[in-house]
Amino acid sequence: MNKLLAALALALAVATALPLSVQAQAPAAPVPEPVASAPAKTPQQEKVAHCSEQATSKTGDERKAFMKECLAAKRASQTGKMRSCSEQAKGMKGDDRKAFMKTCLSS
């Protein structure tokens, strides 16, 4: 019985070692890296892209001034929209206010 177990263990060791040595000799195929999708742009990146698109004909200080004004105007309009929606939502609470603000700000 011991001889049988020893022979079985030896056969198992040889069988498991054989594919590893054969595999080590074979050239490894390059593993393709997964293609990462581009992350979504943040609202700030979208603003910059939009203003930059409009400023394509401008250069130097003129472009810099335009970009500053364009980005500031976008922020001011969003702040104004937030104030307006918040004023309209006075008296609302909880889920009703949250739902109203979501629709008001998205329009």
Protein backbone atom coordinates (compact mmCIF):
# COMPACT_ATOMS: atom_id res chain seq x y z
CA MET A 1 0.00 0.00 0.00
CA ASN A 2 2.84 2.41 0.87
CA LYS A 3 4.56 1.63 -2.43
CA LEU A 4 1.34 2.41 -4.27
CA LEU A 5 0.95 5.75 -2.50
CA ALA A 6 4.59 6.62 -3.13
CA ALA A 7 4.26 5.77 -6.81
CA LEU A 8 1.06 7.78 -7.06
CA ALA A 9 2.68 10.81 -5.36
CA LEU A 10 5.70 10.53 -7.69
CA ALA A 11 3.44 10.34 -10.75
CA LEU A 12 1.43 13.33 -9.56
CA ALA A 13 4.59 15.37 -8.97
CA VAL A 14 5.94 14.54 -12.42
CA ALA A 15 2.59 15.28 -14.08
CA THR A 16 2.29 18.70 -12.46
CA ALA A 17 5.94 19.63 -13.05
CA LEU A 18 5.90 18.64 -16.72
CA PRO A 19 3.44 21.28 -17.96
CA LEU A 20 5.30 23.98 -16.04
CA SER A 21 8.62 23.16 -17.67
CA VAL A 22 7.03 22.94 -21.13
CA GLN A 23 5.15 26.16 -20.51
CA ALA A 24 8.32 27.92 -19.37
CA GLN A 25 10.04 27.02 -22.66
CA ALA A 26 7.23 28.27 -24.89
CA PRO A 27 7.41 31.95 -25.82
CA ALA A 28 4.81 33.92 -23.98
CA ALA A 29 2.21 35.59 -26.14
CA PRO A 30 1.75 39.29 -25.40
CA VAL A 31 -1.31 39.94 -23.31
CA PRO A 32 -3.34 42.80 -24.76
CA GLU A 33 -3.99 45.51 -22.24
CA PRO A 34 -7.62 46.47 -21.79
CA VAL A 35 -8.54 49.67 -23.54
CA ALA A 36 -9.57 52.24 -20.98
CA SER A 37 -12.48 54.37 -22.03
CA ALA A 38 -11.99 58.08 -21.69
CA PRO A 39 -13.31 59.34 -18.38
CA ALA A 40 -16.26 61.67 -18.55
CA LYS A 41 -15.42 65.34 -18.57
CA THR A 42 -16.12 67.32 -15.45
CA PRO A 43 -18.38 70.37 -15.75
CA GLN A 44 -15.31 72.62 -15.40
CA GLN A 45 -13.55 70.81 -18.24
CA GLU A 46 -16.65 71.22 -20.40
CA LYS A 47 -16.73 74.97 -19.64
CA VAL A 48 -13.08 75.37 -20.54
CA ALA A 49 -13.55 73.41 -23.76
CA HIS A 50 -16.56 75.52 -24.73
CA CYS A 51 -14.83 78.82 -24.01
CA SER A 52 -11.64 77.64 -25.73
CA GLU A 53 -13.66 76.72 -28.81
CA GLN A 54 -14.99 80.28 -28.97
CA ALA A 55 -11.52 81.78 -28.48
CA THR A 56 -9.79 80.02 -31.39
CA SER A 57 -9.18 83.26 -33.32
CA LYS A 58 -7.75 85.10 -30.31
CA THR A 59 -4.13 84.97 -29.11
CA GLY A 60 -2.01 86.15 -26.20
CA ASP A 61 -3.47 88.61 -23.72
CA GLU A 62 -6.67 88.97 -25.73
CA ARG A 63 -7.30 85.22 -25.45
CA LYS A 64 -6.41 85.19 -21.77
CA ALA A 65 -8.86 88.02 -21.03
CA PHE A 66 -11.60 86.38 -23.08
CA MET A 67 -11.16 83.03 -21.33
CA LYS A 68 -11.27 84.70 -17.91
CA GLU A 69 -14.46 86.55 -18.77
CA CYS A 70 -16.08 83.55 -20.43
CA LEU A 71 -15.40 81.21 -17.50
CA ALA A 72 -16.52 83.81 -14.96
CA ALA A 73 -19.78 84.40 -16.86
CA LYS A 74 -20.55 80.70 -16.80
CA ARG A 75 -20.06 80.56 -13.04
CA ALA A 76 -22.17 83.65 -12.46
CA SER A 77 -25.03 82.30 -14.53
CA GLN A 78 -24.98 78.99 -12.63
CA THR A 79 -24.90 80.84 -9.31
CA GLY A 80 -27.81 82.99 -10.42
CA LYS A 81 -29.75 79.92 -11.48
CA MET A 82 -29.08 78.31 -8.10
CA ARG A 83 -30.32 81.42 -6.29
CA SER A 84 -33.43 81.62 -8.44
CA CYS A 85 -34.32 77.97 -7.94
CA SER A 86 -33.63 78.22 -4.23
CA GLU A 87 -35.95 81.23 -3.94
CA GLN A 88 -38.70 79.33 -5.73
CA ALA A 89 -38.21 76.31 -3.46
CA LYS A 90 -38.74 78.25 -0.22
CA GLY A 91 -41.19 76.42 1.99
CA MET A 92 -40.46 73.04 0.40
CA LYS A 93 -38.72 70.36 2.43
CA GLY A 94 -37.20 66.93 2.00
CA ASP A 95 -37.82 64.93 -1.14
CA ASP A 96 -40.17 67.55 -2.63
CA ARG A 97 -37.45 70.23 -2.47
CA LYS A 98 -34.81 67.85 -3.78
CA ALA A 99 -36.96 66.85 -6.76
CA PHE A 100 -37.88 70.47 -7.51
CA MET A 101 -34.24 71.66 -7.34
CA LYS A 102 -33.13 68.85 -9.63
CA THR A 103 -35.65 69.74 -12.32
CA CYS A 104 -35.17 73.48 -11.88
CA LEU A 105 -31.38 73.35 -12.18
CA SER A 106 -31.43 70.95 -15.13
CA SER A 107 -33.71 73.16 -17.22
